[in-house]
PDB file of N, CA and C in Angstrom:
ATOM      1  N   MET A   1    -110.613  64.006 -28.815  1.00  0.00           N
ATOM      2  CA  MET A   1    -109.660  64.718 -28.201  1.00  0.00           C
ATOM      3  C   MET A   1    -108.165  64.652 -28.572  1.00  0.00           C
ATOM      4  N   LYS A   2    -107.145  65.720 -28.968  1.00  0.00           N
ATOM      5  CA  LYS A   2    -105.916  65.449 -29.439  1.00  0.00           C
ATOM      6  C   LYS A   2    -105.116  65.454 -27.863  1.00  0.00           C
ATOM      7  N   PHE A   3    -104.603  63.931 -27.366  1.00  0.00           N
ATOM      8  CA  PHE A   3    -103.254  64.610 -25.963  1.00  0.00           C
ATOM      9  C   PHE A   3    -101.986  64.501 -26.626  1.00  0.00           C
ATOM     10  N   GLY A   4    -101.619  65.321 -25.763  1.00  0.00           N
ATOM     11  CA  GLY A   4    -100.227  65.242 -25.614  1.00  0.00           C
ATOM     12  C   GLY A   4     -99.993  64.441 -24.222  1.00  0.00           C
ATOM     13  N   ILE A   5     -98.894  64.268 -24.450  1.00  0.00           N
ATOM     14  CA  ILE A   5     -98.515  63.053 -23.111  1.00  0.00           C
ATOM     15  C   ILE A   5     -96.980  63.694 -22.651  1.00  0.00           C
ATOM     16  N   LEU A   6     -96.211  63.743 -21.435  1.00  0.00           N
ATOM     17  CA  LEU A   6     -95.232  64.336 -20.626  1.00  0.00           C
ATOM     18  C   LEU A   6     -95.137  63.316 -19.634  1.00  0.00           C
ATOM     19  N   ILE A   7     -93.912  62.725 -19.674  1.00  0.00           N
ATOM     20  CA  ILE A   7     -93.621  61.873 -19.091  1.00  0.00           C
ATOM     21  C   ILE A   7     -92.035  62.647 -18.331  1.00  0.00           C
ATOM     22  N   ASN A   8     -92.148  62.500 -16.950  1.00  0.00           N
ATOM     23  CA  ASN A   8     -90.788  63.342 -16.285  1.00  0.00           C
ATOM     24  C   ASN A   8     -90.336  61.774 -15.181  1.00  0.00           C
ATOM     25  N   GLU A   9     -91.102  60.835 -15.199  1.00  0.00           N
ATOM     26  CA  GLU A   9     -90.157  59.447 -13.913  1.00  0.00           C
ATOM     27  C   GLU A   9     -89.750  58.390 -14.765  1.00  0.00           C
ATOM     28  N   GLY A  10     -88.728  57.876 -14.467  1.00  0.00           N
ATOM     29  CA  GLY A  10     -88.145  56.790 -14.801  1.00  0.00           C
ATOM     30  C   GLY A  10     -89.870  55.490 -14.810  1.00  0.00           C
ATOM     31  N   PRO A  11     -89.202  54.214 -15.775  1.00  0.00           N
ATOM     32  CA  PRO A  11     -90.096  53.087 -15.442  1.00  0.00           C
ATOM     33  C   PRO A  11     -90.402  52.496 -14.356  1.00  0.00           C
ATOM     34  N   TYR A  12     -89.484  52.862 -13.485  1.00  0.00           N
ATOM     35  CA  TYR A  12     -89.598  51.844 -12.274  1.00  0.00           C
ATOM     36  C   TYR A  12     -89.534  52.721 -10.948  1.00  0.00           C
ATOM     37  N   THR A  13     -89.033  53.711 -10.886  1.00  0.00           N
ATOM     38  CA  THR A  13     -89.230  54.642 -10.416  1.00  0.00           C
ATOM     39  C   THR A  13     -90.137  55.065  -9.064  1.00  0.00           C
ATOM     40  N   HIS A  14     -90.854  55.002 -10.027  1.00  0.00           N
ATOM     41  CA  HIS A  14     -92.590  55.745  -9.788  1.00  0.00           C
ATOM     42  C   HIS A  14     -93.613  55.342 -10.416  1.00  0.00           C
ATOM     43  N   GLN A  15     -94.656  55.383  -9.906  1.00  0.00           N
ATOM     44  CA  GLN A  15     -95.719  55.231 -10.953  1.00  0.00           C
ATOM     45  C   GLN A  15     -96.136  55.873 -12.018  1.00  0.00           C
ATOM     46  N   ALA A  16     -95.539  56.947 -12.548  1.00  0.00           N
ATOM     47  CA  ALA A  16     -95.942  57.727 -13.013  1.00  0.00           C
ATOM     48  C   ALA A  16     -95.660  56.711 -14.562  1.00  0.00           C
ATOM     49  N   SER A  17     -95.184  56.391 -14.999  1.00  0.00           N
ATOM     50  CA  SER A  17     -94.715  55.943 -15.913  1.00  0.00           C
ATOM     51  C   SER A  17     -96.001  54.771 -17.059  1.00  0.00           C
ATOM     52  N   ASP A  18     -96.329  53.294 -15.546  1.00  0.00           N
ATOM     53  CA  ASP A  18     -97.365  52.549 -15.976  1.00  0.00           C
ATOM     54  C   ASP A  18     -98.623  53.379 -15.658  1.00  0.00           C
ATOM     55  N   THR A  19     -99.186  54.628 -15.019  1.00  0.00           N
ATOM     56  CA  THR A  19     -99.869  55.543 -14.993  1.00  0.00           C
ATOM     57  C   THR A  19    -100.286  56.303 -16.612  1.00  0.00           C
ATOM     58  N   ALA A  20     -99.389  56.625 -17.124  1.00  0.00           N
ATOM     59  CA  ALA A  20     -99.220  57.467 -18.162  1.00  0.00           C
ATOM     60  C   ALA A  20     -99.808  56.079 -19.511  1.00  0.00           C
ATOM     61  N   PHE A  21     -98.838  55.001 -19.469  1.00  0.00           N
ATOM     62  CA  PHE A  21     -99.325  54.094 -20.306  1.00  0.00           C
ATOM     63  C   PHE A  21    -100.143  53.942 -20.245  1.00  0.00           C
ATOM     64  N   GLN A  22    -101.683  53.297 -19.319  1.00  0.00           N
ATOM     65  CA  GLN A  22    -102.639  52.829 -19.102  1.00  0.00           C
ATOM     66  C   GLN A  22    -103.646  53.961 -19.713  1.00  0.00           C
ATOM     67  N   PHE A  23    -103.444  55.457 -19.361  1.00  0.00           N
ATOM     68  CA  PHE A  23    -103.949  56.457 -19.685  1.00  0.00           C
ATOM     69  C   PHE A  23    -104.219  56.849 -21.294  1.00  0.00           C
ATOM     70  N   VAL A  24    -102.599  56.838 -21.604  1.00  0.00           N
ATOM     71  CA  VAL A  24    -102.430  56.326 -23.330  1.00  0.00           C
ATOM     72  C   VAL A  24    -103.863  55.244 -23.726  1.00  0.00           C
ATOM     73  N   LYS A  25    -103.588  54.417 -23.496  1.00  0.00           N
ATOM     74  CA  LYS A  25    -104.143  53.056 -23.983  1.00  0.00           C
ATOM     75  C   LYS A  25    -105.478  53.377 -24.024  1.00  0.00           C
ATOM     76  N   ALA A  26    -106.432  53.924 -22.242  1.00  0.00           N
ATOM     77  CA  ALA A  26    -107.847  54.393 -21.805  1.00  0.00           C
ATOM     78  C   ALA A  26    -108.133  55.718 -23.732  1.00  0.00           C
ATOM     79  N   ALA A  27    -107.211  56.475 -23.477  1.00  0.00           N
ATOM     80  CA  ALA A  27    -107.644  57.052 -24.499  1.00  0.00           C
ATOM     81  C   ALA A  27    -107.931  56.842 -26.199  1.00  0.00           C
ATOM     82  N   LEU A  28    -106.580  55.781 -26.538  1.00  0.00           N
ATOM     83  CA  LEU A  28    -107.025  55.746 -27.498  1.00  0.00           C
ATOM     84  C   LEU A  28    -108.210  54.664 -27.835  1.00  0.00           C
ATOM     85  N   ALA A  29    -108.406  54.096 -26.884  1.00  0.00           N
ATOM     86  CA  ALA A  29    -109.424  52.519 -26.730  1.00  0.00           C
ATOM     87  C   ALA A  29    -110.831  53.457 -27.268  1.00  0.00           C
ATOM     88  N   LYS A  30    -110.655  54.920 -26.386  1.00  0.00           N
ATOM     89  CA  LYS A  30    -111.937  55.744 -26.111  1.00  0.00           C
ATOM     90  C   LYS A  30    -112.120  56.461 -27.682  1.00  0.00           C
ATOM     91  N   GLY A  31    -110.992  56.328 -28.622  1.00  0.00           N
ATOM     92  CA  GLY A  31    -111.291  56.953 -30.065  1.00  0.00           C
ATOM     93  C   GLY A  31    -110.434  58.428 -29.755  1.00  0.00           C
ATOM     94  N   HIS A  32    -109.500  58.881 -28.978  1.00  0.00           N
ATOM     95  CA  HIS A  32    -108.908  59.993 -28.509  1.00  0.00           C
ATOM     96  C   HIS A  32    -107.717  59.778 -29.547  1.00  0.00           C
ATOM     97  N   GLN A  33    -106.905  60.648 -29.869  1.00  0.00           N
ATOM     98  CA  GLN A  33    -105.627  60.932 -30.441  1.00  0.00           C
ATOM     99  C   GLN A  33    -104.714  61.216 -29.456  1.00  0.00           C
ATOM    100  N   ILE A  34    -103.273  60.463 -29.967  1.00  0.00           N
ATOM    101  CA  ILE A  34    -101.771  61.031 -29.125  1.00  0.00           C
ATOM    102  C   ILE A  34    -100.968  61.574 -29.444  1.00  0.00           C
ATOM    103  N   GLN A  35    -100.997  62.995 -29.540  1.00  0.00           N
ATOM    104  CA  GLN A  35    -100.057  63.906 -30.594  1.00  0.00           C
ATOM    105  C   GLN A  35     -98.846  63.437 -30.784  1.00  0.00           C
ATOM    106  N   ARG A  36     -98.698  63.102 -29.493  1.00  0.00           N
ATOM    107  CA  ARG A  36     -96.959  62.610 -29.025  1.00  0.00           C
ATOM    108  C   ARG A  36     -97.045  62.484 -27.441  1.00  0.00           C
ATOM    109  N   VAL A  37     -95.963  61.304 -27.452  1.00  0.00           N
ATOM    110  CA  VAL A  37     -95.452  61.047 -26.195  1.00  0.00           C
ATOM    111  C   VAL A  37     -93.915  61.611 -26.014  1.00  0.00           C
ATOM    112  N   PHE A  38     -94.063  62.300 -24.773  1.00  0.00           N
ATOM    113  CA  PHE A  38     -92.171  63.354 -24.953  1.00  0.00           C
ATOM    114  C   PHE A  38     -92.117  62.501 -23.712  1.00  0.00           C
ATOM    115  N   PHE A  39     -90.491  62.042 -23.636  1.00  0.00           N
ATOM    116  CA  PHE A  39     -90.099  61.797 -22.523  1.00  0.00           C
ATOM    117  C   PHE A  39     -88.900  63.081 -22.211  1.00  0.00           C
ATOM    118  N   TYR A  40     -89.048  62.853 -20.738  1.00  0.00           N
ATOM    119  CA  TYR A  40     -88.430  63.943 -20.062  1.00  0.00           C
ATOM    120  C   TYR A  40     -87.852  63.568 -18.892  1.00  0.00           C
ATOM    121  N   ASN A  41     -86.314  64.506 -18.486  1.00  0.00           N
ATOM    122  CA  ASN A  41     -85.761  64.311 -17.158  1.00  0.00           C
ATOM    123  C   ASN A  41     -85.754  62.771 -16.738  1.00  0.00           C
ATOM    124  N   ASP A  42     -85.839  61.764 -15.689  1.00  0.00           N
ATOM    125  CA  ASP A  42     -85.812  60.533 -15.875  1.00  0.00           C
ATOM    126  C   ASP A  42     -86.428  59.563 -16.371  1.00  0.00           C
ATOM    127  N   GLY A  43     -87.390  60.560 -16.951  1.00  0.00           N
ATOM    128  CA  GLY A  43     -88.259  59.914 -17.603  1.00  0.00           C
ATOM    129  C   GLY A  43     -87.808  59.423 -19.538  1.00  0.00           C
ATOM    130  N   VAL A  44     -86.682  59.958 -19.700  1.00  0.00           N
ATOM    131  CA  VAL A  44     -85.845  58.913 -20.569  1.00  0.00           C
ATOM    132  C   VAL A  44     -85.209  57.762 -20.343  1.00  0.00           C
ATOM    133  N   ASN A  45     -85.329  57.345 -19.101  1.00  0.00           N
ATOM    134  CA  ASN A  45     -85.042  56.044 -18.555  1.00  0.00           C
ATOM    135  C   ASN A  45     -86.250  55.035 -19.291  1.00  0.00           C
ATOM    136  N   ASN A  46     -87.319  55.476 -19.823  1.00  0.00           N
ATOM    137  CA  ASN A  46     -87.939  54.673 -20.493  1.00  0.00           C
ATOM    138  C   ASN A  46     -88.003  54.211 -21.660  1.00  0.00           C
ATOM    139  N   ALA A  47     -86.720  54.691 -22.154  1.00  0.00           N
ATOM    140  CA  ALA A  47     -86.313  54.237 -23.760  1.00  0.00           C
ATOM    141  C   ALA A  47     -85.541  53.898 -23.806  1.00  0.00           C
ATOM    142  N   THR A  48     -84.725  53.048 -22.979  1.00  0.00           N
ATOM    143  CA  THR A  48     -83.490  52.439 -23.301  1.00  0.00           C
ATOM    144  C   THR A  48     -83.534  50.907 -23.520  1.00  0.00           C
ATOM    145  N   LYS A  49     -83.231  50.174 -24.347  1.00  0.00           N
ATOM    146  CA  LYS A  49     -83.599  49.047 -24.622  1.00  0.00           C
ATOM    147  C   LYS A  49     -82.306  48.167 -23.509  1.00  0.00           C
ATOM    148  N   LEU A  50     -81.618  48.460 -23.085  1.00  0.00           N
ATOM    149  CA  LEU A  50     -80.332  47.846 -21.969  1.00  0.00           C
ATOM    150  C   LEU A  50     -81.420  47.388 -20.823  1.00  0.00           C
ATOM    151  N   THR A  51     -82.914  47.727 -20.708  1.00  0.00           N
ATOM    152  CA  THR A  51     -83.439  47.681 -19.497  1.00  0.00           C
ATOM    153  C   THR A  51     -84.074  46.436 -19.395  1.00  0.00           C
ATOM    154  N   ASP A  52     -83.736  45.413 -18.492  1.00  0.00           N
ATOM    155  CA  ASP A  52     -83.692  43.826 -18.231  1.00  0.00           C
ATOM    156  C   ASP A  52     -84.484  43.500 -17.031  1.00  0.00           C
ATOM    157  N   PRO A  53     -85.598  43.652 -17.124  1.00  0.00           N
ATOM    158  CA  PRO A  53     -86.735  43.283 -15.703  1.00  0.00           C
ATOM    159  C   PRO A  53     -86.942  41.802 -15.281  1.00  0.00           C
ATOM    160  N   PRO A  54     -86.394  41.359 -14.301  1.00  0.00           N
ATOM    161  CA  PRO A  54     -87.395  39.904 -14.024  1.00  0.00           C
ATOM    162  C   PRO A  54     -88.118  39.550 -14.861  1.00  0.00           C
ATOM    163  N   GLN A  55     -88.568  37.988 -15.343  1.00  0.00           N
ATOM    164  CA  GLN A  55     -89.371  37.627 -15.511  1.00  0.00           C
ATOM    165  C   GLN A  55     -90.355  37.988 -15.449  1.00  0.00           C
ATOM    166  N   ASP A  56     -90.974  37.374 -14.155  1.00  0.00           N
ATOM    167  CA  ASP A  56     -92.146  37.751 -13.339  1.00  0.00           C
ATOM    168  C   ASP A  56     -92.599  39.427 -13.566  1.00  0.00           C
ATOM    169  N   ASP A  57     -91.590  40.375 -13.685  1.00  0.00           N
ATOM    170  CA  ASP A  57     -91.851  41.983 -13.755  1.00  0.00           C
ATOM    171  C   ASP A  57     -92.020  42.626 -14.850  1.00  0.00           C
ATOM    172  N   ARG A  58     -93.477  43.791 -15.019  1.00  0.00           N
ATOM    173  CA  ARG A  58     -93.528  44.098 -16.022  1.00  0.00           C
ATOM    174  C   ARG A  58     -92.528  44.905 -17.343  1.00  0.00           C
ATOM    175  N   ASN A  59     -91.905  44.806 -18.155  1.00  0.00           N
ATOM    176  CA  ASN A  59     -91.487  45.371 -19.173  1.00  0.00           C
ATOM    177  C   ASN A  59     -92.119  46.660 -19.563  1.00  0.00           C
ATOM    178  N   ILE A  60     -91.453  48.097 -18.896  1.00  0.00           N
ATOM    179  CA  ILE A  60     -92.623  48.824 -19.416  1.00  0.00           C
ATOM    180  C   ILE A  60     -92.209  49.372 -20.641  1.00  0.00           C
ATOM    181  N   VAL A  61     -91.029  49.180 -20.504  1.00  0.00           N
ATOM    182  CA  VAL A  61     -90.378  49.689 -21.999  1.00  0.00           C
ATOM    183  C   VAL A  61     -90.618  48.800 -22.921  1.00  0.00           C
ATOM    184  N   ASN A  62     -90.754  47.864 -23.366  1.00  0.00           N
ATOM    185  CA  ASN A  62     -91.095  46.720 -24.250  1.00  0.00           C
ATOM    186  C   ASN A  62     -93.005  47.397 -24.518  1.00  0.00           C
ATOM    187  N   ARG A  63     -93.014  47.530 -23.190  1.00  0.00           N
ATOM    188  CA  ARG A  63     -94.826  48.142 -23.496  1.00  0.00           C
ATOM    189  C   ARG A  63     -95.233  49.263 -24.531  1.00  0.00           C
ATOM    190  N   TRP A  64     -94.219  50.859 -24.212  1.00  0.00           N
ATOM    191  CA  TRP A  64     -94.160  51.429 -24.978  1.00  0.00           C
ATOM    192  C   TRP A  64     -93.897  50.810 -26.126  1.00  0.00           C
ATOM    193  N   SER A  65     -92.925  50.286 -26.352  1.00  0.00           N
ATOM    194  CA  SER A  65     -92.307  50.272 -27.979  1.00  0.00           C
ATOM    195  C   SER A  65     -93.606  49.473 -28.505  1.00  0.00           C
ATOM    196  N   GLU A  66     -94.532  48.685 -27.959  1.00  0.00           N
ATOM    197  CA  GLU A  66     -95.683  47.503 -28.544  1.00  0.00           C
ATOM    198  C   GLU A  66     -96.562  48.681 -28.496  1.00  0.00           C
ATOM    199  N   LEU A  67     -97.022  49.541 -27.809  1.00  0.00           N
ATOM    200  CA  LEU A  67     -97.917  50.208 -28.097  1.00  0.00           C
ATOM    201  C   LEU A  67     -98.185  51.270 -29.286  1.00  0.00           C
ATOM    202  N   ALA A  68     -96.402  51.584 -29.373  1.00  0.00           N
ATOM    203  CA  ALA A  68     -95.762  52.740 -30.256  1.00  0.00           C
ATOM    204  C   ALA A  68     -96.232  52.150 -32.133  1.00  0.00           C
ATOM    205  N   LYS A  69     -95.704  50.561 -32.171  1.00  0.00           N
ATOM    206  CA  LYS A  69     -96.096  50.422 -33.213  1.00  0.00           C
ATOM    207  C   LYS A  69     -97.278  49.719 -33.219  1.00  0.00           C
ATOM    208  N   GLU A  70     -98.203  49.162 -33.121  1.00  0.00           N
ATOM    209  CA  GLU A  70     -99.808  49.260 -33.387  1.00  0.00           C
ATOM    210  C   GLU A  70    -100.407  50.669 -33.320  1.00  0.00           C
ATOM    211  N   HIS A  71    -100.395  51.599 -32.883  1.00  0.00           N
ATOM    212  CA  HIS A  71    -101.099  52.529 -33.092  1.00  0.00           C
ATOM    213  C   HIS A  71    -100.287  53.812 -33.472  1.00  0.00           C
ATOM    214  N   LYS A  72     -98.637  53.729 -33.842  1.00  0.00           N
ATOM    215  CA  LYS A  72     -97.857  54.620 -34.991  1.00  0.00           C
ATOM    216  C   LYS A  72     -98.004  55.633 -33.785  1.00  0.00           C
ATOM    217  N   LEU A  73     -97.217  55.520 -32.409  1.00  0.00           N
ATOM    218  CA  LEU A  73     -97.623  56.961 -31.770  1.00  0.00           C
ATOM    219  C   LEU A  73     -96.186  57.318 -31.746  1.00  0.00           C
ATOM    220  N   ASP A  74     -95.741  58.803 -31.743  1.00  0.00           N
ATOM    221  CA  ASP A  74     -94.946  59.595 -31.620  1.00  0.00           C
ATOM    222  C   ASP A  74     -93.787  59.542 -30.217  1.00  0.00           C
ATOM    223  N   LEU A  75     -93.185  58.504 -30.144  1.00  0.00           N
ATOM    224  CA  LEU A  75     -92.637  58.473 -28.726  1.00  0.00           C
ATOM    225  C   LEU A  75     -90.871  59.158 -28.521  1.00  0.00           C
ATOM    226  N   VAL A  76     -91.141  60.764 -28.278  1.00  0.00           N
ATOM    227  CA  VAL A  76     -89.868  61.426 -28.426  1.00  0.00           C
ATOM    228  C   VAL A  76     -89.280  61.490 -26.640  1.00  0.00           C
ATOM    229  N   VAL A  77     -88.095  61.001 -26.862  1.00  0.00           N
ATOM    230  CA  VAL A  77     -86.670  61.633 -25.997  1.00  0.00           C
ATOM    231  C   VAL A  77     -86.172  62.556 -26.025  1.00  0.00           C
ATOM    232  N   CYS A  78     -86.262  63.415 -25.083  1.00  0.00           N
ATOM    233  CA  CYS A  78     -85.658  64.677 -24.883  1.00  0.00           C
ATOM    234  C   CYS A  78     -83.754  64.098 -25.081  1.00  0.00           C
ATOM    235  N   VAL A  79     -82.500  64.878 -26.066  1.00  0.00           N
ATOM    236  CA  VAL A  79     -81.839  64.646 -26.198  1.00  0.00           C
ATOM    237  C   VAL A  79     -81.073  65.060 -25.176  1.00  0.00           C
ATOM    238  N   ALA A  80     -80.982  66.216 -24.469  1.00  0.00           N
ATOM    239  CA  ALA A  80     -80.156  66.455 -23.360  1.00  0.00           C
ATOM    240  C   ALA A  80     -80.277  65.536 -21.715  1.00  0.00           C
ATOM    241  N   ALA A  81     -81.765  65.421 -21.839  1.00  0.00           N
ATOM    242  CA  ALA A  81     -81.911  64.618 -20.652  1.00  0.00           C
ATOM    243  C   ALA A  81     -81.069  63.105 -20.663  1.00  0.00           C
ATOM    244  N   ALA A  82     -81.397  62.492 -22.219  1.00  0.00           N
ATOM    245  CA  ALA A  82     -81.122  61.192 -22.580  1.00  0.00           C
ATOM    246  C   ALA A  82     -79.721  61.729 -22.318  1.00  0.00           C
ATOM    247  N   LEU A  83     -78.437  62.131 -23.356  1.00  0.00           N
ATOM    248  CA  LEU A  83     -77.703  62.018 -23.124  1.00  0.00           C
ATOM    249  C   LEU A  83     -76.830  62.235 -21.731  1.00  0.00           C
ATOM    250  N   ARG A  84     -77.112  62.584 -20.826  1.00  0.00           N
ATOM    251  CA  ARG A  84     -76.934  63.028 -19.466  1.00  0.00           C
ATOM    252  C   ARG A  84     -77.216  61.463 -18.580  1.00  0.00           C
ATOM    253  N   ARG A  85     -77.542  60.639 -19.054  1.00  0.00           N
ATOM    254  CA  ARG A  85     -77.989  59.779 -18.396  1.00  0.00           C
ATOM    255  C   ARG A  85     -77.675  58.518 -19.681  1.00  0.00           C
ATOM    256  N   GLY A  86     -76.988  58.711 -20.459  1.00  0.00           N
ATOM    257  CA  GLY A  86     -76.035  57.203 -21.239  1.00  0.00           C
ATOM    258  C   GLY A  86     -76.867  56.599 -22.207  1.00  0.00           C
ATOM    259  N   ILE A  87     -78.057  57.541 -22.579  1.00  0.00           N
ATOM    260  CA  ILE A  87     -79.074  57.006 -23.821  1.00  0.00           C
ATOM    261  C   ILE A  87     -78.429  57.197 -25.049  1.00  0.00           C
ATOM    262  N   ARG A  88     -78.588  57.356 -26.178  1.00  0.00           N
ATOM    263  CA  ARG A  88     -77.989  57.354 -27.243  1.00  0.00           C
ATOM    264  C   ARG A  88     -78.780  56.624 -28.360  1.00  0.00           C
ATOM    265  N   GLU A  89     -78.650  56.428 -29.598  1.00  0.00           N
ATOM    266  CA  GLU A  89     -79.437  56.258 -30.790  1.00  0.00           C
ATOM    267  C   GLU A  89     -79.025  54.457 -31.008  1.00  0.00           C
ATOM    268  N   ASP A  90     -77.841  54.390 -30.401  1.00  0.00           N
ATOM    269  CA  ASP A  90     -77.521  52.877 -30.267  1.00  0.00           C
ATOM    270  C   ASP A  90     -77.950  52.196 -29.158  1.00  0.00           C
ATOM    271  N   ASN A  91     -78.773  52.709 -27.871  1.00  0.00           N
ATOM    272  CA  ASN A  91     -79.206  51.976 -27.029  1.00  0.00           C
ATOM    273  C   ASN A  91     -80.482  52.322 -27.079  1.00  0.00           C
ATOM    274  N   LEU A  92     -81.633  52.916 -27.910  1.00  0.00           N
ATOM    275  CA  LEU A  92     -82.558  53.236 -27.790  1.00  0.00           C
ATOM    276  C   LEU A  92     -83.821  52.015 -28.506  1.00  0.00           C
ATOM    277  N   ALA A  93     -84.553  51.933 -27.269  1.00  0.00           N
ATOM    278  CA  ALA A  93     -85.521  50.537 -27.503  1.00  0.00           C
ATOM    279  C   ALA A  93     -86.158  51.560 -29.122  1.00  0.00           C
ATOM    280  N   ALA A  94     -87.052  50.234 -29.769  1.00  0.00           N
ATOM    281  CA  ALA A  94     -87.928  50.269 -30.740  1.00  0.00           C
ATOM    282  C   ALA A  94     -88.537  51.242 -30.596  1.00  0.00           C
ATOM    283  N   GLY A  95     -88.714  51.998 -31.528  1.00  0.00           N
ATOM    284  CA  GLY A  95     -90.299  52.844 -31.667  1.00  0.00           C
ATOM    285  C   GLY A  95     -90.018  54.298 -30.712  1.00  0.00           C
ATOM    286  N   PHE A  96     -88.891  54.395 -30.277  1.00  0.00           N
ATOM    287  CA  PHE A  96     -88.601  56.111 -29.786  1.00  0.00           C
ATOM    288  C   PHE A  96     -87.487  56.307 -30.698  1.00  0.00           C
ATOM    289  N   ARG A  97     -87.848  58.135 -30.434  1.00  0.00           N
ATOM    290  CA  ARG A  97     -86.908  59.121 -31.348  1.00  0.00           C
ATOM    291  C   ARG A  97     -86.264  60.005 -30.437  1.00  0.00           C
ATOM    292  N   ILE A  98     -84.901  60.439 -30.480  1.00  0.00           N
ATOM    293  CA  ILE A  98     -84.528  61.502 -29.804  1.00  0.00           C
ATOM    294  C   ILE A  98     -84.565  62.418 -30.255  1.00  0.00           C
ATOM    295  N   SER A  99     -84.853  63.819 -30.276  1.00  0.00           N
ATOM    296  CA  SER A  99     -84.974  65.071 -30.102  1.00  0.00           C
ATOM    297  C   SER A  99     -85.491  66.790 -29.357  1.00  0.00           C
ATOM    298  N   GLY A 100     -85.139  67.306 -29.830  1.00  0.00           N
ATOM    299  CA  GLY A 100     -85.291  68.398 -28.571  1.00  0.00           C
ATOM    300  C   GLY A 100     -86.690  69.154 -28.247  1.00  0.00           C
ATOM    301  N   LEU A 101     -86.338  70.208 -27.150  1.00  0.00           N
ATOM    302  CA  LEU A 101     -87.378  70.464 -26.313  1.00  0.00           C
ATOM    303  C   LEU A 101     -88.299  71.164 -27.712  1.00  0.00           C
ATOM    304  N   GLY A 102     -88.018  71.652 -28.609  1.00  0.00           N
ATOM    305  CA  GLY A 102     -89.276  72.111 -29.649  1.00  0.00           C
ATOM    306  C   GLY A 102     -89.875  70.951 -29.595  1.00  0.00           C
ATOM    307  N   GLN A 103     -90.004  69.489 -29.690  1.00  0.00           N
ATOM    308  CA  GLN A 103     -91.079  68.960 -29.731  1.00  0.00           C
ATOM    309  C   GLN A 103     -91.895  69.019 -28.327  1.00  0.00           C
ATOM    310  N   LEU A 104     -91.542  69.419 -27.712  1.00  0.00           N
ATOM    311  CA  LEU A 104     -92.486  69.497 -26.699  1.00  0.00           C
ATOM    312  C   LEU A 104     -93.401  70.378 -26.781  1.00  0.00           C
ATOM    313  N   ILE A 105     -93.210  72.008 -27.353  1.00  0.00           N
ATOM    314  CA  ILE A 105     -93.566  72.654 -27.410  1.00  0.00           C
ATOM    315  C   ILE A 105     -94.748  72.739 -28.297  1.00  0.00           C
ATOM    316  N   GLU A 106     -93.814  72.573 -29.349  1.00  0.00           N
ATOM    317  CA  GLU A 106     -95.036  71.660 -30.263  1.00  0.00           C
ATOM    318  C   GLU A 106     -96.495  70.786 -30.365  1.00  0.00           C
ATOM    319  N   THR A 107     -95.846  69.706 -29.365  1.00  0.00           N
ATOM    320  CA  THR A 107     -96.826  69.155 -28.446  1.00  0.00           C
ATOM    321  C   THR A 107     -97.899  69.759 -27.958  1.00  0.00           C
ATOM    322  N   GLY A 108     -97.528  71.231 -27.147  1.00  0.00           N
ATOM    323  CA  GLY A 108     -98.211  71.647 -26.163  1.00  0.00           C
ATOM    324  C   GLY A 108     -99.320  72.759 -27.160  1.00  0.00           C
ATOM    325  N   ILE A 109     -98.705  73.133 -28.280  1.00  0.00           N
ATOM    326  CA  ILE A 109     -99.715  73.543 -29.300  1.00  0.00           C
ATOM    327  C   ILE A 109    -100.449  73.007 -29.868  1.00  0.00           C
ATOM    328  N   GLN A 110     -99.894  71.749 -30.247  1.00  0.00           N
ATOM    329  CA  GLN A 110    -101.025  71.159 -31.340  1.00  0.00           C
ATOM    330  C   GLN A 110    -102.241  70.135 -30.404  1.00  0.00           C
ATOM    331  N   ALA A 111    -101.491  70.039 -29.208  1.00  0.00           N
ATOM    332  CA  ALA A 111    -102.758  69.050 -28.711  1.00  0.00           C
ATOM    333  C   ALA A 111    -103.177  69.998 -27.919  1.00  0.00           C
ATOM    334  N   ASP A 112    -104.805  69.456 -27.565  1.00  0.00           N
ATOM    335  CA  ASP A 112    -106.070  70.144 -27.173  1.00  0.00           C
ATOM    336  C   ASP A 112    -105.804  70.091 -25.698  1.00  0.00           C
ATOM    337  N   ARG A 113    -105.072  69.125 -25.031  1.00  0.00           N
ATOM    338  CA  ARG A 113    -104.583  68.770 -23.394  1.00  0.00           C
ATOM    339  C   ARG A 113    -103.157  68.388 -23.615  1.00  0.00           C
ATOM    340  N   LEU A 114    -102.607  68.831 -22.890  1.00  0.00           N
ATOM    341  CA  LEU A 114    -100.872  68.469 -22.072  1.00  0.00           C
ATOM    342  C   LEU A 114    -100.755  67.724 -21.265  1.00  0.00           C
ATOM    343  N   VAL A 115    -101.017  66.209 -20.931  1.00  0.00           N
ATOM    344  CA  VAL A 115    -100.997  65.932 -19.248  1.00  0.00           C
ATOM    345  C   VAL A 115     -99.533  65.555 -19.127  1.00  0.00           C
ATOM    346  N   THR A 116     -99.372  65.366 -18.371  1.00  0.00           N
ATOM    347  CA  THR A 116     -97.902  65.028 -17.392  1.00  0.00           C
ATOM    348  C   THR A 116     -98.062  64.369 -16.509  1.00  0.00           C
ATOM    349  N   PHE A 117     -96.743  63.033 -16.532  1.00  0.00           N
ATOM    350  CA  PHE A 117     -97.095  62.485 -15.465  1.00  0.00           C
ATOM    351  C   PHE A 117     -95.503  62.476 -14.597  1.00  0.00           C
ATOM    352  N   GLY A 118     -95.658  62.584 -13.536  1.00  0.00           N
ATOM    353  CA  GLY A 118     -95.091  62.679 -12.508  1.00  0.00           C
ATOM    354  C   GLY A 118     -94.223  63.930 -12.149  1.00  0.00           C
ATOM    355  N   ASP A 119     -93.409  64.536 -11.430  1.00  0.00           N
ATOM    356  CA  ASP A 119     -92.655  65.869 -10.906  1.00  0.00           C
ATOM    357  C   ASP A 119     -92.318  66.651 -12.244  1.00  0.00           C
TER     358      ASP A 119
END
């Protein structure tokens, strides 16, 4: 099955990003495809390399970057939501790219299921 993933919450605000990350890992382990992970609203905060959690805390941004590199995932950040939150190409974490809502629409069309995490 081919999944599209939509994340609407920031990395440390709610559980949505952690849950989405675990879902994607489990889906890949079971042989499913991830068509795209789209970050929208406060979910774009998952993409900033300026995140610097304490050493004893999980680094959610790095987790996404590493997973994208390992599995060649397409991590897309909504341009309008990103700019509203001060996220630009120069402070984007590795593995993420900025694009428009058309990428979300395309994901919904091409994936068998679009799974949303967060409000």
